[in-house]
Protein backbone atom coordinates (compact mmCIF):
# COMPACT_ATOMS: atom_id res chain seq x y z
CA MET A 1 -0.10 -0.21 0.11
CA LEU A 2 1.38 3.34 -0.98
CA PRO A 3 1.35 6.29 1.34
CA ASP A 4 -0.74 9.34 0.84
CA TYR A 5 1.85 11.08 -0.30
CA LEU A 6 2.87 8.91 -3.23
CA ILE A 7 -0.71 8.37 -4.04
CA ASN A 8 -1.10 12.22 -4.41
CA PHE A 9 2.14 12.50 -6.64
CA ASN A 10 0.98 9.77 -8.82
CA THR A 11 -2.46 11.04 -9.48
CA ALA A 12 -0.83 14.63 -10.30
CA LEU A 13 1.74 13.04 -12.55
CA LEU A 14 -1.00 11.04 -14.41
CA LYS A 15 -3.24 14.33 -14.98
CA PHE A 16 -0.08 16.19 -16.00
CA GLN A 17 0.88 13.44 -18.56
CA GLU A 18 -2.48 13.66 -19.85
CA LYS A 19 -2.68 17.29 -20.00
CA PHE A 20 0.63 17.64 -21.47
CA PRO A 21 1.84 14.72 -23.44
CA ARG A 22 5.40 15.09 -24.13
CA GLU A 23 5.13 14.70 -27.91
CA ASN A 24 2.98 18.03 -27.78
CA TRP A 25 5.74 19.74 -25.49
CA SER A 26 6.22 23.12 -27.29
CA GLU A 27 10.08 24.71 -26.90
CA GLU A 28 8.52 27.47 -24.68
CA PHE A 29 7.08 24.84 -22.52
CA LYS A 30 10.22 22.81 -22.39
CA ASP A 31 12.39 25.99 -21.45
CA SER A 32 9.63 26.94 -18.79
CA LEU A 33 10.08 23.53 -17.15
CA ILE A 34 13.75 23.47 -17.24
CA ASN A 35 14.28 27.22 -16.03
CA ASP A 36 12.15 26.29 -13.36
CA TYR A 37 14.15 23.41 -12.32
CA SER A 38 17.23 25.23 -12.97
CA PHE A 39 16.53 27.98 -10.38
CA TYR A 40 14.97 25.81 -7.64
CA SER A 41 18.24 23.75 -7.73
CA ALA A 42 20.43 26.78 -7.83
CA ARG A 43 18.44 28.58 -5.18
CA VAL A 44 19.36 25.61 -2.86
CA GLU A 45 22.98 27.13 -2.63
CA ASP A 46 22.62 30.55 -3.77
CA SER A 47 20.42 32.86 -1.78
CA LYS A 48 21.11 35.85 -3.90
CA LEU A 49 18.93 34.21 -6.62
CA GLN A 50 15.36 35.87 -7.15
CA TYR A 51 12.91 33.96 -9.26
CA GLY A 52 11.35 36.89 -11.51
CA ASP A 53 15.09 38.26 -12.35
CA THR A 54 16.25 35.00 -13.00
CA ILE A 55 13.46 33.59 -15.21
CA ARG A 56 13.66 36.96 -17.45
CA PHE A 57 17.49 36.09 -17.73
CA LEU A 58 17.12 32.57 -18.64
CA ASN A 59 14.67 33.58 -21.39
CA ASN A 60 17.23 36.00 -22.74
CA GLU A 61 15.41 39.25 -21.28
CA SER A 62 17.40 42.00 -19.69
CA VAL A 63 17.89 42.39 -16.26
CA ARG A 64 19.88 44.44 -13.73
CA GLY A 65 21.30 44.17 -10.45
CA ILE A 66 22.04 40.31 -10.17
CA ASN A 67 25.22 38.95 -9.41
CA LEU A 68 27.04 37.75 -12.28
CA ASP A 69 28.60 34.75 -10.82
CA SER A 70 24.94 33.41 -9.92
CA LEU A 71 23.89 34.02 -13.43
CA LEU A 72 26.71 32.29 -14.74
CA GLY A 73 26.03 29.49 -12.59
CA ILE A 74 22.31 29.01 -13.21
CA SER A 75 22.85 29.58 -17.01
CA GLU A 76 25.30 26.60 -17.00
CA HIS A 77 22.70 24.57 -15.07
CA GLN A 78 20.27 25.32 -17.66
CA LEU A 79 22.26 24.48 -20.55
CA VAL A 80 23.40 21.20 -19.16
CA LEU A 81 19.76 20.02 -18.25
CA LYS A 82 18.46 21.29 -21.78
CA ASN A 83 21.09 18.91 -23.53
CA LEU A 84 20.18 15.97 -21.62
CA LEU A 85 16.32 16.57 -22.45
CA GLN A 86 17.31 16.89 -26.22
CA ASN A 87 19.58 13.69 -26.13
CA LEU A 88 17.26 11.78 -23.65
CA ASP A 89 16.94 8.73 -26.16
CA ASN A 90 20.61 8.19 -25.55
CA PHE A 91 20.94 9.16 -21.80
CA GLU A 92 22.75 6.32 -19.88
CA PHE A 93 23.25 6.76 -16.26
CA THR A 94 27.10 6.00 -16.10
CA GLU A 95 30.16 7.28 -14.41
CA GLU A 96 31.01 9.11 -17.63
CA THR A 97 27.73 10.51 -17.80
CA ILE A 98 28.02 11.73 -14.35
CA LYS A 99 31.82 13.13 -14.98
CA ASN A 100 30.55 14.87 -18.16
CA VAL A 101 27.69 16.90 -16.36
CA HIS A 102 30.35 17.91 -13.70
CA ALA A 103 32.99 18.95 -16.36
CA SER A 104 30.05 21.12 -18.13
CA LEU A 105 28.87 22.59 -14.74
CA MET A 106 32.39 23.34 -13.37
CA SER A 107 34.97 24.07 -16.22
CA SER A 108 34.97 28.04 -14.65
CA PRO A 109 36.74 29.05 -11.85
CA LEU A 110 33.51 31.22 -11.09
CA SER A 111 31.69 27.92 -10.53
CA TRP A 112 33.78 26.87 -7.91
CA GLU A 113 33.10 27.85 -4.00
CA THR A 114 36.46 26.28 -3.11
CA ASP A 115 39.84 26.50 -5.01
CA PHE A 116 39.63 25.94 -8.69
CA LYS A 117 41.52 22.80 -9.59
CA LEU A 118 41.60 22.10 -13.41
CA GLU A 119 42.62 18.67 -13.00
CA LEU A 120 39.66 18.07 -10.83
CA VAL A 121 37.13 19.36 -13.37
CA GLY A 122 34.77 16.23 -14.50
CA ASN A 123 37.29 14.14 -12.23
CA TYR A 124 36.69 12.51 -8.72
CA ARG A 125 38.28 14.58 -5.68
CA ASN A 126 41.95 13.36 -4.66
CA VAL A 127 41.35 14.75 -1.16
CA PRO A 128 39.25 14.20 1.91
CA THR A 129 36.10 16.36 2.20
CA VAL A 130 34.06 17.75 4.83
CA GLY A 131 30.66 19.40 4.02
CA SER A 132 30.12 22.62 5.67
CA ARG A 133 26.82 22.91 7.01
CA GLU A 134 27.30 25.27 9.90
CA PRO A 135 25.76 27.37 11.58
CA PHE A 136 22.38 25.22 11.24
CA PHE A 137 23.86 21.77 11.27
CA GLU A 138 26.94 19.77 11.90
CA ASN A 139 29.58 19.74 9.28
CA LYS A 140 29.89 16.01 7.44
CA GLU A 141 32.68 14.23 6.51
CA TYR A 142 32.35 12.04 3.29
CA ALA A 143 33.56 8.77 1.84
CA PRO A 144 37.32 8.45 1.70
CA HIS A 145 38.80 9.90 -1.52
CA TYR A 146 41.20 6.94 -2.27
CA ASN A 147 38.29 4.36 -2.69
CA LEU A 148 35.80 6.67 -4.88
CA GLU A 149 36.45 4.86 -8.22
CA ILE A 150 35.28 1.48 -6.60
CA ILE A 151 32.55 2.78 -4.61
CA MET A 152 31.21 4.78 -7.45
CA ALA A 153 31.67 1.74 -10.03
CA SER A 154 29.62 -0.67 -7.33
CA TYR A 155 27.03 1.97 -6.50
CA LEU A 156 25.77 2.77 -9.85
CA ASN A 157 25.67 -0.94 -10.86
CA LEU A 158 23.26 -1.19 -7.90
CA PHE A 159 21.50 2.15 -8.53
CA ASN A 160 20.88 0.86 -12.44
CA SER A 161 19.65 -2.28 -11.67
CA ARG A 162 16.83 -0.18 -9.39
CA LEU A 163 16.18 2.32 -12.39
CA ASN A 164 15.47 -0.63 -14.72
CA ASP A 165 12.76 -1.63 -12.42
CA ILE A 166 10.69 1.38 -11.70
CA ASP A 167 7.26 0.56 -10.71
CA ASN A 168 5.07 3.46 -9.14
CA LEU A 169 2.54 1.27 -7.54
CA ASP A 170 5.26 -0.44 -5.40
CA PHE A 171 6.55 1.93 -2.39
CA GLN A 172 9.92 0.01 -3.04
CA LYS A 173 10.08 0.25 -6.49
CA HIS A 174 8.63 3.91 -6.90
CA LEU A 175 10.50 6.52 -8.91
CA LEU A 176 10.73 8.79 -5.93
CA THR A 177 11.97 6.20 -3.66
CA GLY A 178 14.71 5.47 -6.24
CA ILE A 179 15.61 9.34 -6.65
CA ALA A 180 15.72 9.71 -2.82
CA TYR A 181 18.09 6.83 -2.72
CA PHE A 182 20.29 8.27 -5.23
CA HIS A 183 20.43 11.73 -3.77
CA ASN A 184 21.17 10.49 -0.40
CA LYS A 185 23.85 7.90 -1.56
CA PHE A 186 25.56 10.39 -3.99
CA LEU A 187 25.30 13.47 -2.26
CA ASN A 188 25.13 12.87 1.62
CA GLU A 189 27.53 9.69 1.70
CA ILE A 190 30.01 9.39 -1.54
CA HIS A 191 30.47 13.29 -2.37
CA PRO A 192 32.56 12.15 -5.24
CA PHE A 193 33.64 15.74 -6.41
CA ALA A 194 35.76 18.40 -4.65
CA ASP A 195 33.00 20.95 -5.63
CA GLY A 196 29.66 20.87 -7.47
CA ASN A 197 28.20 17.87 -5.90
CA GLY A 198 24.84 19.02 -5.13
CA ARG A 199 24.41 20.77 -8.63
CA VAL A 200 25.43 17.52 -10.29
CA CYS A 201 22.84 15.54 -8.13
CA ARG A 202 20.04 17.50 -8.84
CA ILE A 203 21.04 17.46 -12.70
CA MET A 204 21.07 13.91 -12.63
CA ILE A 205 17.92 13.77 -10.94
CA GLY A 206 16.10 15.89 -13.41
CA ALA A 207 17.27 13.50 -16.24
CA ILE A 208 16.12 10.32 -14.42
CA LEU A 209 12.65 12.08 -13.98
CA MET A 210 12.66 12.80 -17.76
CA SER A 211 14.08 9.21 -18.86
CA HIS A 212 10.78 7.89 -16.74
CA ASN A 213 8.17 9.97 -18.37
CA CYS A 214 8.14 12.55 -15.47
CA PRO A 215 9.00 16.34 -16.42
CA PRO A 216 11.98 17.91 -14.64
CA ILE A 217 10.44 19.20 -11.36
CA PHE A 218 11.66 20.07 -8.06
CA PRO A 219 10.20 21.52 -4.66
CA GLU A 220 9.80 25.27 -4.98
CA ILE A 221 12.76 27.01 -3.21
CA ASN A 222 12.51 30.81 -2.95
CA SER A 223 13.43 31.62 0.63
CA GLN A 224 15.73 30.92 3.39
CA GLU A 225 13.24 28.84 5.42
CA GLN A 226 12.44 26.54 2.18
CA GLN A 227 16.23 26.11 1.66
CA ILE A 228 16.65 24.90 5.24
CA GLU A 229 13.93 22.83 5.01
CA TYR A 230 15.50 20.90 2.06
CA ILE A 231 18.78 20.83 4.10
CA SER A 232 16.70 19.53 7.18
CA LYS A 233 15.49 16.63 5.37
CA ILE A 234 19.02 15.59 4.19
CA VAL A 235 20.36 15.67 7.86
CA GLN A 236 16.88 13.91 8.95
CA CYS A 237 17.66 11.09 6.84
CA GLU A 238 20.90 10.87 8.01
CA ASN A 239 20.23 10.80 11.41
CA GLU A 240 17.61 8.12 11.12
CA LYS A 241 19.32 6.04 8.56
CA SER A 242 16.51 6.43 6.42
CA ASP A 243 15.41 7.72 2.73
CA LEU A 244 11.63 8.23 4.09
CA PRO A 245 11.90 11.89 4.94
CA LEU A 246 13.46 12.80 1.72
CA ILE A 247 10.94 10.50 -0.18
CA GLU A 248 7.92 12.49 1.46
CA TYR A 249 9.58 15.80 0.81
CA PHE A 250 10.03 15.04 -2.66
CA ALA A 251 6.66 13.64 -3.44
CA ASN A 252 4.77 16.81 -1.20
CA GLY A 253 6.91 19.17 -3.27
CA MET A 254 6.67 17.74 -6.66
CA THR A 255 2.80 17.27 -6.53
CA HIS A 256 2.32 20.96 -5.40
CA TYR A 257 4.31 21.81 -8.54
CA LEU A 258 2.72 19.59 -10.81
CA ASN A 259 -0.93 20.54 -9.80
CA ARG A 260 -0.32 24.15 -10.09
CA ILE A 261 0.90 23.86 -13.73
């Protein structure tokens, strides 16, 4: 038996698919989905972004007073996701795909919050990494760098077996259950790159959604409170050693987005 939040998501997704069949998506409609997804994903880490001005910028309209670094970062995010959507028939969830996404997002020194290292663009980190979460939560130490090649290969084999067996009528096989598992394992435990892990993670989630006949959607994040809620769910998953808080968070947020389109 599915919990109510997944039943609600399934219902909203079915209504969306009936109202907006993918073969009928206009370029404008696709752009609006990708722009929204890019904004909410980037807004997780960049509190300077404002929805209206950012969407106008992504639509090539003139805007003023927005930080250049923020604009460049979200523009790269948009372009990578758009490229994945345009080449969805050839999409494969592989290490090469993940590294290529990282290389596309992180090729500029302006994209890095840490010191820019060209040799780590599109490559796994070669140093220990501790995630900064203060002042709201304790910092987090991630998987050791010297095992990343083995860890990622094993993890992707396991995750691909789940992706090939999606069934939205089964809780364990549900699309959002798989996405939450990927998110928590990739971002909260392995954290394979020196910088840009969150952006890569959310780009891959967008591609996974699209490859399973779901539009690229993400819970709306427009404020610090919503930003903290997302991070709180990540920490709650770690503390409870469970993906359930994130599954419910994704389901509720994505259902709300689908219902308002």
